[in-house]
Amino acid sequence: MLDEFGFSGGIGGVDFPGSVVQEKHMGILMEFLVYGDAEKNRRRRELFSKLVKACGEKGWAEYRAPVVFQDDAMATFSFNDHAQQRLLEALYDAIDPNGILSPGRMGIWPKHLRGRS
């Protein structure tokens, strides 16, 4: 997948919390450089989104996703038809019904903005 995007560096690695590496505890952390080349940046963003999705399918979570990728990262927590996201949305709706506190943070959008891309 990396070759497809002409990737030549900038991967931060795989995070292994704890001393024993177990697949269910793995997460990804990818750092990429921002260049003055708009096309290269577009390819990097597309690659990052695909990596988040591919790792999510294995049960690996993105750790500290940049703001622009928080929707992608939150989508990987799909257990029980995205129960965690629905719970967080309900909490945000109760605490901040006007959606003025950090809209979009952690992939949680105010009710009037949900479902928009």
PDB file of N, CA and C in Angstrom:
ATOM      1  N   MET A   1       0.822  -1.187   0.000  1.00  0.00           N
ATOM      2  CA  MET A   1       0.000   0.000   0.000  1.00  0.00           C
ATOM      3  C   MET A   1       0.871   1.258   0.000  1.00  0.00           C
ATOM      4  N   LEU A   2       1.992   1.224   0.704  1.00  0.00           N
ATOM      5  CA  LEU A   2       2.851   2.402   0.775  1.00  0.00           C
ATOM      6  C   LEU A   2       3.455   2.740  -0.583  1.00  0.00           C
ATOM      7  N   ASP A   3       3.868   1.716  -1.330  1.00  0.00           N
ATOM      8  CA  ASP A   3       4.457   1.944  -2.651  1.00  0.00           C
ATOM      9  C   ASP A   3       3.479   2.619  -3.607  1.00  0.00           C
ATOM     10  N   GLU A   4       2.218   2.261  -3.485  1.00  0.00           N
ATOM     11  CA  GLU A   4       1.171   2.808  -4.341  1.00  0.00           C
ATOM     12  C   GLU A   4       1.107   4.335  -4.241  1.00  0.00           C
ATOM     13  N   PHE A   5       1.500   4.869  -3.093  1.00  0.00           N
ATOM     14  CA  PHE A   5       1.437   6.304  -2.863  1.00  0.00           C
ATOM     15  C   PHE A   5       2.795   6.986  -2.962  1.00  0.00           C
ATOM     16  N   GLY A   6       3.817   6.260  -3.378  1.00  0.00           N
ATOM     17  CA  GLY A   6       5.144   6.844  -3.489  1.00  0.00           C
ATOM     18  C   GLY A   6       5.694   7.256  -2.136  1.00  0.00           C
ATOM     19  N   PHE A   7       5.384   6.496  -1.127  1.00  0.00           N
ATOM     20  CA  PHE A   7       5.784   6.826   0.232  1.00  0.00           C
ATOM     21  C   PHE A   7       7.254   6.531   0.438  1.00  0.00           C
ATOM     22  N   SER A   8       7.988   7.523   0.928  1.00  0.00           N
ATOM     23  CA  SER A   8       9.422   7.316   1.095  1.00  0.00           C
ATOM     24  C   SER A   8       9.901   7.642   2.502  1.00  0.00           C
ATOM     25  N   GLY A   9       9.014   7.670   3.469  1.00  0.00           N
ATOM     26  CA  GLY A   9       9.447   7.937   4.842  1.00  0.00           C
ATOM     27  C   GLY A   9       8.379   8.661   5.621  1.00  0.00           C
ATOM     28  N   GLY A  10       8.651   8.890   6.881  1.00  0.00           N
ATOM     29  CA  GLY A  10       7.737   9.639   7.721  1.00  0.00           C
ATOM     30  C   GLY A  10       6.835   8.781   8.581  1.00  0.00           C
ATOM     31  N   ILE A  11       6.990   7.463   8.505  1.00  0.00           N
ATOM     32  CA  ILE A  11       6.144   6.622   9.358  1.00  0.00           C
ATOM     33  C   ILE A  11       6.753   6.600  10.745  1.00  0.00           C
ATOM     34  N   GLY A  12       5.927   6.866  11.746  1.00  0.00           N
ATOM     35  CA  GLY A  12       6.402   6.912  13.121  1.00  0.00           C
ATOM     36  C   GLY A  12       6.593   5.533  13.706  1.00  0.00           C
ATOM     37  N   GLY A  13       5.786   4.587  13.326  1.00  0.00           N
ATOM     38  CA  GLY A  13       5.947   3.239  13.823  1.00  0.00           C
ATOM     39  C   GLY A  13       4.656   2.678  14.368  1.00  0.00           C
ATOM     40  N   VAL A  14       4.787   1.596  15.063  1.00  0.00           N
ATOM     41  CA  VAL A  14       3.647   0.938  15.682  1.00  0.00           C
ATOM     42  C   VAL A  14       3.851   1.018  17.185  1.00  0.00           C
ATOM     43  N   ASP A  15       2.819   1.420  17.900  1.00  0.00           N
ATOM     44  CA  ASP A  15       2.883   1.604  19.336  1.00  0.00           C
ATOM     45  C   ASP A  15       2.595   0.280  20.037  1.00  0.00           C
ATOM     46  N   PHE A  16       3.451  -0.107  20.959  1.00  0.00           N
ATOM     47  CA  PHE A  16       3.261  -1.342  21.713  1.00  0.00           C
ATOM     48  C   PHE A  16       3.153  -1.015  23.196  1.00  0.00           C
ATOM     49  N   PRO A  17       1.954  -0.669  23.679  1.00  0.00           N
ATOM     50  CA  PRO A  17       1.837  -0.383  25.101  1.00  0.00           C
ATOM     51  C   PRO A  17       2.001  -1.655  25.927  1.00  0.00           C
ATOM     52  N   GLY A  18       2.808  -1.607  26.941  1.00  0.00           N
ATOM     53  CA  GLY A  18       3.041  -2.788  27.778  1.00  0.00           C
ATOM     54  C   GLY A  18       4.256  -3.554  27.304  1.00  0.00           C
ATOM     55  N   SER A  19       4.737  -4.439  28.129  1.00  0.00           N
ATOM     56  CA  SER A  19       5.959  -5.160  27.796  1.00  0.00           C
ATOM     57  C   SER A  19       5.713  -6.375  26.911  1.00  0.00           C
ATOM     58  N   VAL A  20       4.512  -6.902  26.918  1.00  0.00           N
ATOM     59  CA  VAL A  20       4.197  -8.058  26.087  1.00  0.00           C
ATOM     60  C   VAL A  20       3.375  -7.582  24.894  1.00  0.00           C
ATOM     61  N   VAL A  21       3.863  -7.854  23.709  1.00  0.00           N
ATOM     62  CA  VAL A  21       3.170  -7.424  22.503  1.00  0.00           C
ATOM     63  C   VAL A  21       2.048  -8.409  22.207  1.00  0.00           C
ATOM     64  N   GLN A  22       0.837  -7.901  22.202  1.00  0.00           N
ATOM     65  CA  GLN A  22      -0.320  -8.708  21.851  1.00  0.00           C
ATOM     66  C   GLN A  22      -1.078  -7.957  20.785  1.00  0.00           C
ATOM     67  N   GLU A  23      -1.528  -8.644  19.773  1.00  0.00           N
ATOM     68  CA  GLU A  23      -2.173  -7.986  18.641  1.00  0.00           C
ATOM     69  C   GLU A  23      -3.338  -7.111  19.068  1.00  0.00           C
ATOM     70  N   LYS A  24      -4.119  -7.523  20.051  1.00  0.00           N
ATOM     71  CA  LYS A  24      -5.284  -6.733  20.435  1.00  0.00           C
ATOM     72  C   LYS A  24      -4.922  -5.415  21.101  1.00  0.00           C
ATOM     73  N   HIS A  25      -3.665  -5.246  21.500  1.00  0.00           N
ATOM     74  CA  HIS A  25      -3.241  -4.015  22.154  1.00  0.00           C
ATOM     75  C   HIS A  25      -2.410  -3.115  21.247  1.00  0.00           C
ATOM     76  N   MET A  26      -2.297  -3.473  19.995  1.00  0.00           N
ATOM     77  CA  MET A  26      -1.471  -2.676  19.097  1.00  0.00           C
ATOM     78  C   MET A  26      -2.246  -1.469  18.596  1.00  0.00           C
ATOM     79  N   GLY A  27      -1.528  -0.428  18.300  1.00  0.00           N
ATOM     80  CA  GLY A  27      -2.129   0.769  17.729  1.00  0.00           C
ATOM     81  C   GLY A  27      -1.175   1.335  16.697  1.00  0.00           C
ATOM     82  N   ILE A  28      -1.655   2.233  15.877  1.00  0.00           N
ATOM     83  CA  ILE A  28      -0.757   2.846  14.892  1.00  0.00           C
ATOM     84  C   ILE A  28      -0.553   4.302  15.244  1.00  0.00           C
ATOM     85  N   LEU A  29       0.609   4.781  14.927  1.00  0.00           N
ATOM     86  CA  LEU A  29       0.942   6.185  15.077  1.00  0.00           C
ATOM     87  C   LEU A  29       1.756   6.543  13.849  1.00  0.00           C
ATOM     88  N   MET A  30       1.207   7.357  13.002  1.00  0.00           N
ATOM     89  CA  MET A  30       1.900   7.720  11.777  1.00  0.00           C
ATOM     90  C   MET A  30       2.126   9.212  11.745  1.00  0.00           C
ATOM     91  N   GLU A  31       3.351   9.569  11.564  1.00  0.00           N
ATOM     92  CA  GLU A  31       3.696  10.970  11.419  1.00  0.00           C
ATOM     93  C   GLU A  31       4.079  11.172   9.958  1.00  0.00           C
ATOM     94  N   PHE A  32       3.624  12.243   9.365  1.00  0.00           N
ATOM     95  CA  PHE A  32       4.055  12.508   8.016  1.00  0.00           C
ATOM     96  C   PHE A  32       4.359  13.983   7.872  1.00  0.00           C
ATOM     97  N   LEU A  33       5.304  14.244   7.028  1.00  0.00           N
ATOM     98  CA  LEU A  33       5.770  15.608   6.833  1.00  0.00           C
ATOM     99  C   LEU A  33       4.847  16.360   5.890  1.00  0.00           C
ATOM    100  N   VAL A  34       4.736  17.654   6.085  1.00  0.00           N
ATOM    101  CA  VAL A  34       3.939  18.496   5.206  1.00  0.00           C
ATOM    102  C   VAL A  34       4.911  19.172   4.243  1.00  0.00           C
ATOM    103  N   TYR A  35       4.632  19.027   2.982  1.00  0.00           N
ATOM    104  CA  TYR A  35       5.501  19.570   1.950  1.00  0.00           C
ATOM    105  C   TYR A  35       4.811  20.726   1.241  1.00  0.00           C
ATOM    106  N   GLY A  36       5.573  21.489   0.495  1.00  0.00           N
ATOM    107  CA  GLY A  36       5.013  22.561  -0.314  1.00  0.00           C
ATOM    108  C   GLY A  36       4.343  22.021  -1.578  1.00  0.00           C
ATOM    109  N   ASP A  37       4.349  20.722  -1.740  1.00  0.00           N
ATOM    110  CA  ASP A  37       3.786  20.057  -2.910  1.00  0.00           C
ATOM    111  C   ASP A  37       2.364  19.582  -2.579  1.00  0.00           C
ATOM    112  N   ALA A  38       1.352  20.253  -3.137  1.00  0.00           N
ATOM    113  CA  ALA A  38      -0.051  19.941  -2.823  1.00  0.00           C
ATOM    114  C   ALA A  38      -0.418  18.510  -3.200  1.00  0.00           C
ATOM    115  N   GLU A  39       0.078  18.020  -4.332  1.00  0.00           N
ATOM    116  CA  GLU A  39      -0.250  16.660  -4.765  1.00  0.00           C
ATOM    117  C   GLU A  39       0.349  15.623  -3.814  1.00  0.00           C
ATOM    118  N   LYS A  40       1.574  15.839  -3.374  1.00  0.00           N
ATOM    119  CA  LYS A  40       2.203  14.918  -2.431  1.00  0.00           C
ATOM    120  C   LYS A  40       1.419  14.907  -1.109  1.00  0.00           C
ATOM    121  N   ASN A  41       1.000  16.073  -0.651  1.00  0.00           N
ATOM    122  CA  ASN A  41       0.206  16.144   0.579  1.00  0.00           C
ATOM    123  C   ASN A  41      -1.131  15.423   0.412  1.00  0.00           C
ATOM    124  N   ARG A  42      -1.782  15.577  -0.735  1.00  0.00           N
ATOM    125  CA  ARG A  42      -3.048  14.898  -0.992  1.00  0.00           C
ATOM    126  C   ARG A  42      -2.864  13.383  -0.933  1.00  0.00           C
ATOM    127  N   ARG A  43      -1.781  12.885  -1.554  1.00  0.00           N
ATOM    128  CA  ARG A  43      -1.497  11.444  -1.537  1.00  0.00           C
ATOM    129  C   ARG A  43      -1.214  10.957  -0.114  1.00  0.00           C
ATOM    130  N   ARG A  44      -0.487  11.748   0.660  1.00  0.00           N
ATOM    131  CA  ARG A  44      -0.187  11.373   2.045  1.00  0.00           C
ATOM    132  C   ARG A  44      -1.465  11.292   2.874  1.00  0.00           C
ATOM    133  N   ARG A  45      -2.354  12.252   2.681  1.00  0.00           N
ATOM    134  CA  ARG A  45      -3.615  12.238   3.427  1.00  0.00           C
ATOM    135  C   ARG A  45      -4.453  11.020   3.041  1.00  0.00           C
ATOM    136  N   GLU A  46      -4.495  10.707   1.760  1.00  0.00           N
ATOM    137  CA  GLU A  46      -5.245   9.540   1.297  1.00  0.00           C
ATOM    138  C   GLU A  46      -4.637   8.255   1.866  1.00  0.00           C
ATOM    139  N   LEU A  47      -3.306   8.173   1.867  1.00  0.00           N
ATOM    140  CA  LEU A  47      -2.619   7.014   2.427  1.00  0.00           C
ATOM    141  C   LEU A  47      -2.943   6.868   3.907  1.00  0.00           C
ATOM    142  N   PHE A  48      -2.873   7.960   4.642  1.00  0.00           N
ATOM    143  CA  PHE A  48      -3.140   7.897   6.073  1.00  0.00           C
ATOM    144  C   PHE A  48      -4.549   7.378   6.342  1.00  0.00           C
ATOM    145  N   SER A  49      -5.528   7.887   5.600  1.00  0.00           N
ATOM    146  CA  SER A  49      -6.910   7.422   5.766  1.00  0.00           C
ATOM    147  C   SER A  49      -7.028   5.925   5.493  1.00  0.00           C
ATOM    148  N   LYS A  50      -6.354   5.453   4.442  1.00  0.00           N
ATOM    149  CA  LYS A  50      -6.405   4.022   4.118  1.00  0.00           C
ATOM    150  C   LYS A  50      -5.718   3.182   5.194  1.00  0.00           C
ATOM    151  N   LEU A  51      -4.610   3.677   5.739  1.00  0.00           N
ATOM    152  CA  LEU A  51      -3.917   2.946   6.796  1.00  0.00           C
ATOM    153  C   LEU A  51      -4.770   2.868   8.059  1.00  0.00           C
ATOM    154  N   VAL A  52      -5.426   3.957   8.413  1.00  0.00           N
ATOM    155  CA  VAL A  52      -6.301   3.957   9.589  1.00  0.00           C
ATOM    156  C   VAL A  52      -7.407   2.924   9.406  1.00  0.00           C
ATOM    157  N   LYS A  53      -7.998   2.884   8.214  1.00  0.00           N
ATOM    158  CA  LYS A  53      -9.074   1.925   7.948  1.00  0.00           C
ATOM    159  C   LYS A  53      -8.547   0.488   7.986  1.00  0.00           C
ATOM    160  N   ALA A  54      -7.413   0.238   7.330  1.00  0.00           N
ATOM    161  CA  ALA A  54      -6.839  -1.115   7.292  1.00  0.00           C
ATOM    162  C   ALA A  54      -6.469  -1.593   8.695  1.00  0.00           C
ATOM    163  N   CYS A  55      -5.884  -0.727   9.482  1.00  0.00           N
ATOM    164  CA  CYS A  55      -5.522  -1.108  10.848  1.00  0.00           C
ATOM    165  C   CYS A  55      -6.769  -1.295  11.708  1.00  0.00           C
ATOM    166  N   GLY A  56      -7.774  -0.455  11.503  1.00  0.00           N
ATOM    167  CA  GLY A  56      -9.036  -0.595  12.234  1.00  0.00           C
ATOM    168  C   GLY A  56      -9.690  -1.936  11.980  1.00  0.00           C
ATOM    169  N   GLU A  57      -9.564  -2.438  10.759  1.00  0.00           N
ATOM    170  CA  GLU A  57     -10.124  -3.746  10.422  1.00  0.00           C
ATOM    171  C   GLU A  57      -9.438  -4.867  11.199  1.00  0.00           C
ATOM    172  N   LYS A  58      -8.196  -4.638  11.624  1.00  0.00           N
ATOM    173  CA  LYS A  58      -7.471  -5.614  12.441  1.00  0.00           C
ATOM    174  C   LYS A  58      -7.686  -5.375  13.934  1.00  0.00           C
ATOM    175  N   GLY A  59      -8.421  -4.306  14.259  1.00  0.00           N
ATOM    176  CA  GLY A  59      -8.668  -3.995  15.662  1.00  0.00           C
ATOM    177  C   GLY A  59      -7.635  -3.063  16.261  1.00  0.00           C
ATOM    178  N   TRP A  60      -6.779  -2.478  15.429  1.00  0.00           N
ATOM    179  CA  TRP A  60      -5.758  -1.556  15.914  1.00  0.00           C
ATOM    180  C   TRP A  60      -6.280  -0.131  15.824  1.00  0.00           C
ATOM    181  N   ALA A  61      -6.056   0.653  16.838  1.00  0.00           N
ATOM    182  CA  ALA A  61      -6.574   2.018  16.881  1.00  0.00           C
ATOM    183  C   ALA A  61      -5.495   3.036  16.536  1.00  0.00           C
ATOM    184  N   GLU A  62      -5.889   4.116  15.919  1.00  0.00           N
ATOM    185  CA  GLU A  62      -4.986   5.240  15.676  1.00  0.00           C
ATOM    186  C   GLU A  62      -4.890   6.027  16.974  1.00  0.00           C
ATOM    187  N   TYR A  63      -3.679   6.327  17.371  1.00  0.00           N
ATOM    188  CA  TYR A  63      -3.425   7.035  18.620  1.00  0.00           C
ATOM    189  C   TYR A  63      -3.128   8.496  18.310  1.00  0.00           C
ATOM    190  N   ARG A  64      -3.905   9.392  18.880  1.00  0.00           N
ATOM    191  CA  ARG A  64      -3.738  10.834  18.694  1.00  0.00           C
ATOM    192  C   ARG A  64      -3.814  11.239  17.228  1.00  0.00           C
ATOM    193  N   ALA A  65      -4.896  10.934  16.603  1.00  0.00           N
ATOM    194  CA  ALA A  65      -5.087  11.284  15.199  1.00  0.00           C
ATOM    195  C   ALA A  65      -5.114  12.799  15.051  1.00  0.00           C
ATOM    196  N   PRO A  66      -4.463  13.325  14.017  1.00  0.00           N
ATOM    197  CA  PRO A  66      -4.590  14.749  13.737  1.00  0.00           C
ATOM    198  C   PRO A  66      -6.062  15.103  13.522  1.00  0.00           C
ATOM    199  N   VAL A  67      -6.418  16.337  13.786  1.00  0.00           N
ATOM    200  CA  VAL A  67      -7.821  16.764  13.746  1.00  0.00           C
ATOM    201  C   VAL A  67      -8.500  16.365  12.445  1.00  0.00           C
ATOM    202  N   VAL A  68      -7.841  16.544  11.330  1.00  0.00           N
ATOM    203  CA  VAL A  68      -8.451  16.258  10.032  1.00  0.00           C
ATOM    204  C   VAL A  68      -8.792  14.771   9.867  1.00  0.00           C
ATOM    205  N   PHE A  69      -8.172  13.892  10.657  1.00  0.00           N
ATOM    206  CA  PHE A  69      -8.409  12.448  10.542  1.00  0.00           C
ATOM    207  C   PHE A  69      -9.227  11.876  11.694  1.00  0.00           C
ATOM    208  N   GLN A  70      -9.763  12.705  12.570  1.00  0.00           N
ATOM    209  CA  GLN A  70     -10.467  12.174  13.734  1.00  0.00           C
ATOM    210  C   GLN A  70     -11.750  11.437  13.360  1.00  0.00           C
ATOM    211  N   ASP A  71     -12.407  11.858  12.289  1.00  0.00           N
ATOM    212  CA  ASP A  71     -13.590  11.109  11.833  1.00  0.00           C
ATOM    213  C   ASP A  71     -13.188   9.705  11.397  1.00  0.00           C
ATOM    214  N   ASP A  72     -12.073   9.602  10.658  1.00  0.00           N
ATOM    215  CA  ASP A  72     -11.589   8.292  10.209  1.00  0.00           C
ATOM    216  C   ASP A  72     -11.225   7.412  11.402  1.00  0.00           C
ATOM    217  N   ALA A  73     -10.526   7.990  12.374  1.00  0.00           N
ATOM    218  CA  ALA A  73     -10.099   7.218  13.539  1.00  0.00           C
ATOM    219  C   ALA A  73     -11.305   6.744  14.345  1.00  0.00           C
ATOM    220  N   MET A  74     -12.280   7.609  14.540  1.00  0.00           N
ATOM    221  CA  MET A  74     -13.461   7.228  15.324  1.00  0.00           C
ATOM    222  C   MET A  74     -14.270   6.148  14.610  1.00  0.00           C
ATOM    223  N   ALA A  75     -14.269   6.161  13.292  1.00  0.00           N
ATOM    224  CA  ALA A  75     -15.021   5.154  12.530  1.00  0.00           C
ATOM    225  C   ALA A  75     -14.486   3.744  12.766  1.00  0.00           C
ATOM    226  N   THR A  76     -13.238   3.609  13.207  1.00  0.00           N
ATOM    227  CA  THR A  76     -12.671   2.281  13.441  1.00  0.00           C
ATOM    228  C   THR A  76     -13.211   1.644  14.711  1.00  0.00           C
ATOM    229  N   PHE A  77     -13.792   2.447  15.602  1.00  0.00           N
ATOM    230  CA  PHE A  77     -14.383   1.910  16.823  1.00  0.00           C
ATOM    231  C   PHE A  77     -15.826   1.524  16.528  1.00  0.00           C
ATOM    232  N   SER A  78     -15.989   0.436  15.794  1.00  0.00           N
ATOM    233  CA  SER A  78     -17.295   0.086  15.241  1.00  0.00           C
ATOM    234  C   SER A  78     -18.037  -0.988  16.033  1.00  0.00           C
ATOM    235  N   PHE A  79     -17.518  -1.418  17.167  1.00  0.00           N
ATOM    236  CA  PHE A  79     -18.156  -2.479  17.934  1.00  0.00           C
ATOM    237  C   PHE A  79     -19.605  -2.121  18.248  1.00  0.00           C
ATOM    238  N   ASN A  80     -20.477  -3.093  18.104  1.00  0.00           N
ATOM    239  CA  ASN A  80     -21.896  -2.952  18.427  1.00  0.00           C
ATOM    240  C   ASN A  80     -22.518  -1.767  17.684  1.00  0.00           C
ATOM    241  N   ASP A  81     -22.269  -1.719  16.383  1.00  0.00           N
ATOM    242  CA  ASP A  81     -22.822  -0.658  15.532  1.00  0.00           C
ATOM    243  C   ASP A  81     -22.462   0.733  16.061  1.00  0.00           C
ATOM    244  N   HIS A  82     -21.184   0.932  16.376  1.00  0.00           N
ATOM    245  CA  HIS A  82     -20.641   2.227  16.826  1.00  0.00           C
ATOM    246  C   HIS A  82     -21.284   2.710  18.132  1.00  0.00           C
ATOM    247  N   ALA A  83     -21.435   1.799  19.088  1.00  0.00           N
ATOM    248  CA  ALA A  83     -22.064   2.136  20.366  1.00  0.00           C
ATOM    249  C   ALA A  83     -21.319   3.247  21.097  1.00  0.00           C
ATOM    250  N   GLN A  84     -19.981   3.220  21.056  1.00  0.00           N
ATOM    251  CA  GLN A  84     -19.208   4.252  21.746  1.00  0.00           C
ATOM    252  C   GLN A  84     -19.504   5.630  21.160  1.00  0.00           C
ATOM    253  N   GLN A  85     -19.552   5.730  19.850  1.00  0.00           N
ATOM    254  CA  GLN A  85     -19.828   7.013  19.219  1.00  0.00           C
ATOM    255  C   GLN A  85     -21.239   7.501  19.563  1.00  0.00           C
ATOM    256  N   ARG A  86     -22.200   6.605  19.549  1.00  0.00           N
ATOM    257  CA  ARG A  86     -23.573   7.000  19.897  1.00  0.00           C
ATOM    258  C   ARG A  86     -23.663   7.489  21.336  1.00  0.00           C
ATOM    259  N   LEU A  87     -22.947   6.823  22.249  1.00  0.00           N
ATOM    260  CA  LEU A  87     -22.929   7.260  23.646  1.00  0.00           C
ATOM    261  C   LEU A  87     -22.314   8.653  23.763  1.00  0.00           C
ATOM    262  N   LEU A  88     -21.168   8.853  23.113  1.00  0.00           N
ATOM    263  CA  LEU A  88     -20.516  10.165  23.173  1.00  0.00           C
ATOM    264  C   LEU A  88     -21.389  11.248  22.555  1.00  0.00           C
ATOM    265  N   GLU A  89     -22.067  10.932  21.460  1.00  0.00           N
ATOM    266  CA  GLU A  89     -22.975  11.909  20.852  1.00  0.00           C
ATOM    267  C   GLU A  89     -24.106  12.277  21.808  1.00  0.00           C
ATOM    268  N   ALA A  90     -24.656  11.292  22.501  1.00  0.00           N
ATOM    269  CA  ALA A  90     -25.734  11.566  23.455  1.00  0.00           C
ATOM    270  C   ALA A  90     -25.231  12.444  24.600  1.00  0.00           C
ATOM    271  N   LEU A  91     -24.018  12.166  25.077  1.00  0.00           N
ATOM    272  CA  LEU A  91     -23.439  12.992  26.146  1.00  0.00           C
ATOM    273  C   LEU A  91     -23.192  14.420  25.670  1.00  0.00           C
ATOM    274  N   TYR A  92     -22.604  14.562  24.483  1.00  0.00           N
ATOM    275  CA  TYR A  92     -22.356  15.894  23.933  1.00  0.00           C
ATOM    276  C   TYR A  92     -23.668  16.653  23.720  1.00  0.00           C
ATOM    277  N   ASP A  93     -24.698  15.961  23.239  1.00  0.00           N
ATOM    278  CA  ASP A  93     -25.999  16.611  23.022  1.00  0.00           C
ATOM    279  C   ASP A  93     -26.572  17.126  24.337  1.00  0.00           C
ATOM    280  N   ALA A  94     -26.402  16.361  25.415  1.00  0.00           N
ATOM    281  CA  ALA A  94     -26.930  16.764  26.718  1.00  0.00           C
ATOM    282  C   ALA A  94     -26.135  17.922  27.319  1.00  0.00           C
ATOM    283  N   ILE A  95     -24.815  17.876  27.173  1.00  0.00           N
ATOM    284  CA  ILE A  95     -23.948  18.889  27.783  1.00  0.00           C
ATOM    285  C   ILE A  95     -23.885  20.160  26.944  1.00  0.00           C
ATOM    286  N   ASP A  96     -23.870  20.009  25.638  1.00  0.00           N
ATOM    287  CA  ASP A  96     -23.673  21.138  24.727  1.00  0.00           C
ATOM    288  C   ASP A  96     -24.674  21.068  23.575  1.00  0.00           C
ATOM    289  N   PRO A  97     -25.955  21.358  23.832  1.00  0.00           N
ATOM    290  CA  PRO A  97     -26.978  21.192  22.787  1.00  0.00           C
ATOM    291  C   PRO A  97     -26.776  22.103  21.575  1.00  0.00           C
ATOM    292  N   ASN A  98     -26.067  23.209  21.719  1.00  0.00           N
ATOM    293  CA  ASN A  98     -25.823  24.103  20.586  1.00  0.00           C
ATOM    294  C   ASN A  98     -24.571  23.732  19.793  1.00  0.00           C
ATOM    295  N   GLY A  99     -23.808  22.787  20.297  1.00  0.00           N
ATOM    296  CA  GLY A  99     -22.633  22.297  19.574  1.00  0.00           C
ATOM    297  C   GLY A  99     -21.527  23.317  19.403  1.00  0.00           C
ATOM    298  N   ILE A 100     -21.240  24.091  20.470  1.00  0.00           N
ATOM    299  CA  ILE A 100     -20.202  25.120  20.335  1.00  0.00           C
ATOM    300  C   ILE A 100     -18.862  24.700  20.932  1.00  0.00           C
ATOM    301  N   LEU A 101     -18.839  23.641  21.728  1.00  0.00           N
ATOM    302  CA  LEU A 101     -17.601  23.185  22.358  1.00  0.00           C
ATOM    303  C   LEU A 101     -16.911  22.129  21.498  1.00  0.00           C
ATOM    304  N   SER A 102     -15.857  22.502  20.843  1.00  0.00           N
ATOM    305  CA  SER A 102     -15.027  21.585  20.050  1.00  0.00           C
ATOM    306  C   SER A 102     -15.811  20.728  19.063  1.00  0.00           C
ATOM    307  N   PRO A 103     -16.577  21.335  18.156  1.00  0.00           N
ATOM    308  CA  PRO A 103     -17.308  20.518  17.182  1.00  0.00           C
ATOM    309  C   PRO A 103     -16.354  19.693  16.320  1.00  0.00           C
ATOM    310  N   GLY A 104     -16.634  18.410  16.186  1.00  0.00           N
ATOM    311  CA  GLY A 104     -15.821  17.516  15.369  1.00  0.00           C
ATOM    312  C   GLY A 104     -14.691  16.846  16.116  1.00  0.00           C
ATOM    313  N   ARG A 105     -14.405  17.301  17.319  1.00  0.00           N
ATOM    314  CA  ARG A 105     -13.321  16.700  18.090  1.00  0.00           C
ATOM    315  C   ARG A 105     -13.680  15.251  18.397  1.00  0.00           C
ATOM    316  N   MET A 106     -12.727  14.352  18.244  1.00  0.00           N
ATOM    317  CA  MET A 106     -12.915  12.909  18.429  1.00  0.00           C
ATOM    318  C   MET A 106     -13.969  12.352  17.484  1.00  0.00           C
ATOM    319  N   GLY A 107     -14.250  13.038  16.384  1.00  0.00           N
ATOM    320  CA  GLY A 107     -15.231  12.559  15.421  1.00  0.00           C
ATOM    321  C   GLY A 107     -16.663  12.750  15.884  1.00  0.00           C
ATOM    322  N   ILE A 108     -16.870  13.541  16.930  1.00  0.00           N
ATOM    323  CA  ILE A 108     -18.210  13.782  17.451  1.00  0.00           C
ATOM    324  C   ILE A 108     -18.651  15.168  17.009  1.00  0.00           C
ATOM    325  N   TRP A 109     -19.694  15.213  16.200  1.00  0.00           N
ATOM    326  CA  TRP A 109     -20.198  16.468  15.654  1.00  0.00           C
ATOM    327  C   TRP A 109     -21.517  16.855  16.318  1.00  0.00           C
ATOM    328  N   PRO A 110     -21.801  18.154  16.397  1.00  0.00           N
ATOM    329  CA  PRO A 110     -23.109  18.577  16.908  1.00  0.00           C
ATOM    330  C   PRO A 110     -24.222  17.961  16.063  1.00  0.00           C
ATOM    331  N   LYS A 111     -25.367  17.803  16.666  1.00  0.00           N
ATOM    332  CA  LYS A 111     -26.495  17.124  16.000  1.00  0.00           C
ATOM    333  C   LYS A 111     -26.798  17.706  14.621  1.00  0.00           C
ATOM    334  N   HIS A 112     -26.731  19.035  14.491  1.00  0.00           N
ATOM    335  CA  HIS A 112     -27.084  19.660  13.211  1.00  0.00           C
ATOM    336  C   HIS A 112     -26.022  19.495  12.132  1.00  0.00           C
ATOM    337  N   LEU A 113     -24.845  18.978  12.491  1.00  0.00           N
ATOM    338  CA  LEU A 113     -23.769  18.765  11.505  1.00  0.00           C
ATOM    339  C   LEU A 113     -23.474  17.291  11.249  1.00  0.00           C
ATOM    340  N   ARG A 114     -24.118  16.389  11.918  1.00  0.00           N
ATOM    341  CA  ARG A 114     -23.824  14.951  11.752  1.00  0.00           C
ATOM    342  C   ARG A 114     -24.219  14.461  10.373  1.00  0.00           C
ATOM    343  N   GLY A 115     -23.362  13.594   9.850  1.00  0.00           N
ATOM    344  CA  GLY A 115     -23.650  12.993   8.552  1.00  0.00           C
ATOM    345  C   GLY A 115     -23.118  13.804   7.378  1.00  0.00           C
ATOM    346  N   ARG A 116     -22.508  14.934   7.672  1.00  0.00           N
ATOM    347  CA  ARG A 116     -21.910  15.734   6.594  1.00  0.00           C
ATOM    348  C   ARG A 116     -20.441  15.389   6.479  1.00  0.00           C
ATOM    349  N   SER A 117     -19.915  15.435   5.281  1.00  0.00           N
ATOM    350  CA  SER A 117     -18.487  15.144   5.090  1.00  0.00           C
ATOM    351  C   SER A 117     -17.777  16.339   4.552  1.00  0.00           C
TER     352      SER A 117
END
